[in-house]
């Protein structure tokens, strides 16, 4: 059985399939059921604002990575990584100076 929750025209509904047949049931609400449950089944509790994190910029992460790997890599391997990460930085443009939240950069150990 596979189930999911969707929203259509402001109303949430559940949908699932069971032995090949689809079932759909309106929740008759425009309130997100997940948020409602997490708030203790009340709409009166305001959601707590997420705390701001001091995240490093993508440029800073790249610089720290390259510096930390320099002593473990051959010069040619290090130069290759510098080249590729410089290209990434150019592609990101101004976003490279923004906090790196929401970006995933795979850098091998």
N, C-alpha and C. Protein backbone atom coordinates (compact mmCIF):
# COMPACT_ATOMS: atom_id res chain seq x y z
N UNK A 1 0.85 -1.17 0.00
CA UNK A 1 0.00 0.00 0.00
C UNK A 1 0.90 1.24 0.00
N UNK A 2 0.60 2.17 -0.86
CA UNK A 2 1.33 3.41 -0.98
C UNK A 2 0.36 4.56 -0.74
N UNK A 3 0.68 5.43 0.20
CA UNK A 3 -0.23 6.53 0.52
C UNK A 3 0.50 7.85 0.42
N UNK A 4 -0.24 8.91 0.09
CA UNK A 4 0.34 10.24 0.11
C UNK A 4 -0.75 11.26 0.40
N UNK A 5 -0.32 12.46 0.78
CA UNK A 5 -1.23 13.55 1.09
C UNK A 5 -0.98 14.64 0.05
N UNK A 6 -2.03 15.18 -0.49
CA UNK A 6 -1.91 16.22 -1.51
C UNK A 6 -2.86 17.37 -1.21
N UNK A 7 -2.62 18.46 -1.90
CA UNK A 7 -3.49 19.62 -1.76
C UNK A 7 -3.99 20.01 -3.14
N UNK A 8 -5.28 20.23 -3.25
CA UNK A 8 -5.88 20.64 -4.52
C UNK A 8 -6.91 21.72 -4.21
N UNK A 9 -6.78 22.85 -4.89
CA UNK A 9 -7.69 23.98 -4.69
C UNK A 9 -7.80 24.38 -3.22
N UNK A 10 -6.69 24.30 -2.49
CA UNK A 10 -6.67 24.72 -1.09
C UNK A 10 -7.17 23.68 -0.11
N UNK A 11 -7.61 22.52 -0.57
CA UNK A 11 -8.11 21.48 0.33
C UNK A 11 -7.18 20.28 0.28
N UNK A 12 -6.85 19.75 1.45
CA UNK A 12 -5.98 18.58 1.53
C UNK A 12 -6.81 17.31 1.39
N UNK A 13 -6.18 16.31 0.81
CA UNK A 13 -6.82 15.00 0.74
C UNK A 13 -5.76 13.91 0.77
N UNK A 14 -6.15 12.75 1.24
CA UNK A 14 -5.28 11.58 1.26
C UNK A 14 -5.62 10.71 0.07
N UNK A 15 -4.59 10.06 -0.46
CA UNK A 15 -4.79 9.16 -1.58
C UNK A 15 -3.91 7.94 -1.35
N UNK A 16 -4.45 6.77 -1.62
CA UNK A 16 -3.63 5.56 -1.52
C UNK A 16 -4.15 4.52 -2.48
N UNK A 17 -3.29 3.59 -2.78
CA UNK A 17 -3.64 2.45 -3.64
C UNK A 17 -3.58 1.19 -2.80
N UNK A 18 -4.55 0.36 -3.02
CA UNK A 18 -4.59 -0.93 -2.32
C UNK A 18 -5.08 -1.96 -3.33
N UNK A 19 -4.36 -3.07 -3.45
CA UNK A 19 -4.46 -4.04 -4.54
C UNK A 19 -4.88 -3.45 -5.88
N UNK A 20 -4.12 -2.44 -6.35
CA UNK A 20 -4.34 -1.90 -7.67
C UNK A 20 -5.45 -0.88 -7.79
N UNK A 21 -6.26 -0.68 -6.77
CA UNK A 21 -7.36 0.26 -6.82
C UNK A 21 -6.98 1.53 -6.05
N UNK A 22 -7.32 2.69 -6.62
CA UNK A 22 -6.99 3.95 -5.98
C UNK A 22 -8.17 4.43 -5.12
N UNK A 23 -7.84 4.88 -3.92
CA UNK A 23 -8.83 5.43 -3.00
C UNK A 23 -8.40 6.87 -2.70
N UNK A 24 -9.35 7.78 -2.64
CA UNK A 24 -9.05 9.18 -2.36
C UNK A 24 -10.12 9.71 -1.41
N UNK A 25 -9.68 10.41 -0.37
CA UNK A 25 -10.61 10.93 0.63
C UNK A 25 -10.22 12.36 0.99
N UNK A 26 -11.16 13.28 0.86
CA UNK A 26 -10.93 14.67 1.21
C UNK A 26 -10.87 14.79 2.73
N UNK A 27 -9.94 15.62 3.21
CA UNK A 27 -9.86 15.90 4.64
C UNK A 27 -10.75 17.07 5.01
N UNK A 28 -11.39 17.67 4.00
CA UNK A 28 -12.33 18.78 4.19
C UNK A 28 -11.74 19.90 5.03
N UNK A 29 -10.49 20.21 4.74
CA UNK A 29 -9.80 21.29 5.44
C UNK A 29 -8.78 21.92 4.53
N UNK A 30 -8.47 23.18 4.80
CA UNK A 30 -7.38 23.83 4.08
C UNK A 30 -6.19 24.03 5.00
N UNK A 31 -6.17 23.32 6.09
CA UNK A 31 -5.08 23.38 7.06
C UNK A 31 -4.21 22.15 6.86
N UNK A 32 -2.90 22.37 6.81
CA UNK A 32 -1.97 21.26 6.62
C UNK A 32 -2.09 20.30 7.80
N UNK A 33 -2.52 19.05 7.58
CA UNK A 33 -2.71 18.10 8.68
C UNK A 33 -1.43 17.82 9.45
N UNK A 34 -0.30 17.77 8.74
CA UNK A 34 0.97 17.51 9.43
C UNK A 34 1.31 18.60 10.42
N UNK A 35 1.16 19.86 10.01
CA UNK A 35 1.44 20.98 10.90
C UNK A 35 0.45 21.00 12.06
N UNK A 36 -0.81 20.66 11.78
CA UNK A 36 -1.84 20.62 12.82
C UNK A 36 -1.47 19.61 13.90
N UNK A 37 -1.04 18.43 13.48
CA UNK A 37 -0.67 17.37 14.44
C UNK A 37 0.57 17.78 15.23
N UNK A 38 1.58 18.34 14.53
CA UNK A 38 2.81 18.73 15.22
C UNK A 38 2.59 19.87 16.21
N UNK A 39 1.58 20.67 16.01
CA UNK A 39 1.28 21.77 16.93
C UNK A 39 0.43 21.31 18.11
N UNK A 40 0.20 20.05 18.24
CA UNK A 40 -0.61 19.54 19.34
C UNK A 40 -2.09 19.64 19.07
N UNK A 41 -2.45 19.53 17.81
CA UNK A 41 -3.85 19.54 17.36
C UNK A 41 -4.58 20.82 17.71
N UNK A 42 -3.87 21.92 17.60
CA UNK A 42 -4.50 23.21 17.81
C UNK A 42 -3.90 24.21 16.84
N UNK A 43 -4.66 25.20 16.50
CA UNK A 43 -4.16 26.25 15.61
C UNK A 43 -3.68 27.46 16.39
N UNK A 44 -3.84 27.42 17.71
CA UNK A 44 -3.52 28.58 18.54
C UNK A 44 -2.03 28.72 18.82
N UNK A 45 -1.29 27.64 18.79
CA UNK A 45 0.13 27.71 19.10
C UNK A 45 0.91 28.20 17.88
N UNK A 46 1.59 29.32 18.01
CA UNK A 46 2.39 29.79 16.88
C UNK A 46 3.62 28.91 16.69
N UNK A 47 4.00 28.78 15.48
CA UNK A 47 5.19 27.98 15.16
C UNK A 47 6.42 28.75 15.59
N UNK A 48 7.36 28.04 16.18
CA UNK A 48 8.59 28.65 16.63
C UNK A 48 9.45 29.00 15.42
N UNK A 49 9.93 30.23 15.39
CA UNK A 49 10.78 30.66 14.28
C UNK A 49 12.11 29.91 14.32
N UNK A 50 12.58 29.45 13.17
CA UNK A 50 13.86 28.74 13.17
C UNK A 50 14.99 29.69 13.55
N UNK A 51 15.94 29.16 14.27
CA UNK A 51 17.09 29.96 14.68
C UNK A 51 18.02 30.15 13.50
N UNK A 52 18.55 31.35 13.41
CA UNK A 52 19.50 31.63 12.34
C UNK A 52 20.84 31.00 12.71
N UNK A 53 21.42 30.38 11.73
CA UNK A 53 22.72 29.75 11.94
C UNK A 53 23.78 30.59 11.25
N UNK A 54 24.93 30.63 11.84
CA UNK A 54 26.05 31.31 11.21
C UNK A 54 26.77 30.31 10.34
N UNK A 55 26.34 30.20 9.12
CA UNK A 55 26.92 29.24 8.20
C UNK A 55 28.01 29.91 7.37
N UNK A 56 29.07 29.16 7.08
CA UNK A 56 30.13 29.74 6.25
C UNK A 56 29.66 29.85 4.80
N UNK A 57 30.32 30.73 4.07
CA UNK A 57 30.00 30.86 2.65
C UNK A 57 30.57 29.65 1.90
N UNK A 58 30.07 29.45 0.71
CA UNK A 58 30.58 28.35 -0.12
C UNK A 58 32.06 28.57 -0.42
N UNK A 59 32.44 29.82 -0.66
CA UNK A 59 33.86 30.13 -0.90
C UNK A 59 34.72 29.70 0.29
N UNK A 60 34.25 30.01 1.47
CA UNK A 60 35.02 29.66 2.67
C UNK A 60 35.14 28.14 2.82
N UNK A 61 34.04 27.43 2.58
CA UNK A 61 34.06 25.97 2.67
C UNK A 61 35.07 25.40 1.67
N UNK A 62 35.05 25.93 0.46
CA UNK A 62 35.98 25.45 -0.57
C UNK A 62 37.42 25.72 -0.16
N UNK A 63 37.70 26.93 0.32
CA UNK A 63 39.07 27.27 0.73
C UNK A 63 39.56 26.38 1.87
N UNK A 64 38.70 26.17 2.86
CA UNK A 64 39.08 25.32 3.99
C UNK A 64 39.30 23.87 3.54
N UNK A 65 38.46 23.41 2.64
CA UNK A 65 38.61 22.05 2.12
C UNK A 65 39.95 21.92 1.41
N UNK A 66 40.23 22.83 0.50
CA UNK A 66 41.48 22.74 -0.27
C UNK A 66 42.70 22.81 0.64
N UNK A 67 42.64 23.68 1.63
CA UNK A 67 43.77 23.80 2.56
C UNK A 67 43.95 22.53 3.39
N UNK A 68 42.84 21.94 3.82
CA UNK A 68 42.93 20.74 4.65
C UNK A 68 43.41 19.52 3.88
N UNK A 69 43.19 19.47 2.57
CA UNK A 69 43.58 18.31 1.77
C UNK A 69 44.95 18.46 1.14
N UNK A 70 45.50 19.67 1.14
CA UNK A 70 46.75 19.95 0.42
C UNK A 70 47.89 19.03 0.83
N UNK A 71 48.02 18.79 2.12
CA UNK A 71 49.16 17.97 2.58
C UNK A 71 48.96 16.47 2.33
N UNK A 72 47.74 16.08 1.95
CA UNK A 72 47.47 14.67 1.73
C UNK A 72 47.44 14.29 0.25
N UNK A 73 47.49 15.26 -0.64
CA UNK A 73 47.35 15.00 -2.07
C UNK A 73 48.63 15.33 -2.82
N UNK A 74 48.81 14.64 -3.91
CA UNK A 74 49.90 14.99 -4.82
C UNK A 74 49.58 16.35 -5.43
N UNK A 75 50.63 17.06 -5.85
CA UNK A 75 50.42 18.39 -6.41
C UNK A 75 49.45 18.39 -7.58
N UNK A 76 49.55 17.38 -8.44
CA UNK A 76 48.66 17.33 -9.60
C UNK A 76 47.21 17.10 -9.19
N UNK A 77 46.99 16.25 -8.20
CA UNK A 77 45.63 16.00 -7.73
C UNK A 77 45.05 17.25 -7.09
N UNK A 78 45.86 17.93 -6.30
CA UNK A 78 45.40 19.15 -5.65
C UNK A 78 45.08 20.22 -6.70
N UNK A 79 45.94 20.37 -7.70
CA UNK A 79 45.71 21.36 -8.76
C UNK A 79 44.42 21.08 -9.52
N UNK A 80 44.12 19.80 -9.74
CA UNK A 80 42.89 19.43 -10.43
C UNK A 80 41.68 19.86 -9.61
N UNK A 81 41.71 19.63 -8.32
CA UNK A 81 40.59 20.02 -7.46
C UNK A 81 40.44 21.53 -7.41
N UNK A 82 41.56 22.23 -7.35
CA UNK A 82 41.51 23.70 -7.35
C UNK A 82 40.82 24.18 -8.63
N UNK A 83 41.20 23.60 -9.76
CA UNK A 83 40.63 24.00 -11.04
C UNK A 83 39.11 23.77 -11.07
N UNK A 84 38.68 22.58 -10.65
CA UNK A 84 37.25 22.26 -10.69
C UNK A 84 36.44 23.12 -9.73
N UNK A 85 36.99 23.35 -8.54
CA UNK A 85 36.27 24.17 -7.57
C UNK A 85 36.26 25.65 -7.97
N UNK A 86 37.29 26.11 -8.66
CA UNK A 86 37.29 27.47 -9.20
C UNK A 86 36.18 27.62 -10.25
N UNK A 87 36.02 26.58 -11.06
CA UNK A 87 34.95 26.58 -12.06
C UNK A 87 33.58 26.63 -11.37
N UNK A 88 33.42 25.83 -10.32
CA UNK A 88 32.16 25.84 -9.57
C UNK A 88 31.88 27.23 -9.01
N UNK A 89 32.90 27.87 -8.45
CA UNK A 89 32.76 29.20 -7.88
C UNK A 89 32.33 30.20 -8.94
N UNK A 90 32.92 30.10 -10.13
CA UNK A 90 32.51 30.99 -11.22
C UNK A 90 31.06 30.76 -11.61
N UNK A 91 30.64 29.50 -11.63
CA UNK A 91 29.26 29.18 -12.00
C UNK A 91 28.27 29.70 -10.95
N UNK A 92 28.66 29.66 -9.69
CA UNK A 92 27.79 30.15 -8.62
C UNK A 92 27.69 31.67 -8.61
N UNK A 93 28.73 32.34 -9.06
CA UNK A 93 28.73 33.81 -9.07
C UNK A 93 28.62 34.36 -7.66
N UNK A 94 27.70 35.32 -7.46
CA UNK A 94 27.54 35.95 -6.16
C UNK A 94 27.04 34.98 -5.10
N UNK A 95 26.38 33.91 -5.52
CA UNK A 95 25.86 32.93 -4.55
C UNK A 95 27.00 32.24 -3.80
N UNK A 96 28.21 32.26 -4.34
CA UNK A 96 29.34 31.63 -3.67
C UNK A 96 29.70 32.35 -2.38
N UNK A 97 29.31 33.63 -2.27
CA UNK A 97 29.60 34.40 -1.05
C UNK A 97 28.47 34.32 -0.03
N UNK A 98 27.36 33.71 -0.41
CA UNK A 98 26.22 33.56 0.49
C UNK A 98 26.44 32.33 1.38
N UNK A 99 25.73 32.25 2.51
CA UNK A 99 25.84 31.05 3.35
C UNK A 99 25.52 29.80 2.52
N UNK A 100 26.23 28.74 2.81
CA UNK A 100 26.13 27.55 1.95
C UNK A 100 24.95 26.64 2.31
N UNK A 101 24.01 27.10 3.11
CA UNK A 101 22.82 26.31 3.44
C UNK A 101 22.05 26.02 2.16
N UNK A 102 21.61 24.79 2.02
CA UNK A 102 20.83 24.42 0.87
C UNK A 102 21.65 23.96 -0.31
N UNK A 103 22.95 24.04 -0.22
CA UNK A 103 23.81 23.56 -1.29
C UNK A 103 24.50 22.29 -0.81
N UNK A 104 24.60 21.35 -1.68
CA UNK A 104 25.34 20.15 -1.37
C UNK A 104 26.52 20.06 -2.31
N UNK A 105 27.67 20.01 -1.74
CA UNK A 105 28.89 19.87 -2.54
C UNK A 105 29.58 18.61 -2.05
N UNK A 106 29.71 17.66 -2.91
CA UNK A 106 30.37 16.43 -2.51
C UNK A 106 31.85 16.60 -2.67
N UNK A 107 32.54 16.53 -1.55
CA UNK A 107 33.99 16.63 -1.54
C UNK A 107 34.51 15.38 -0.85
N UNK A 108 35.23 14.59 -1.60
CA UNK A 108 35.71 13.34 -1.02
C UNK A 108 36.71 13.60 0.09
N UNK A 109 36.83 12.68 1.03
CA UNK A 109 37.72 12.88 2.18
C UNK A 109 39.18 12.85 1.80
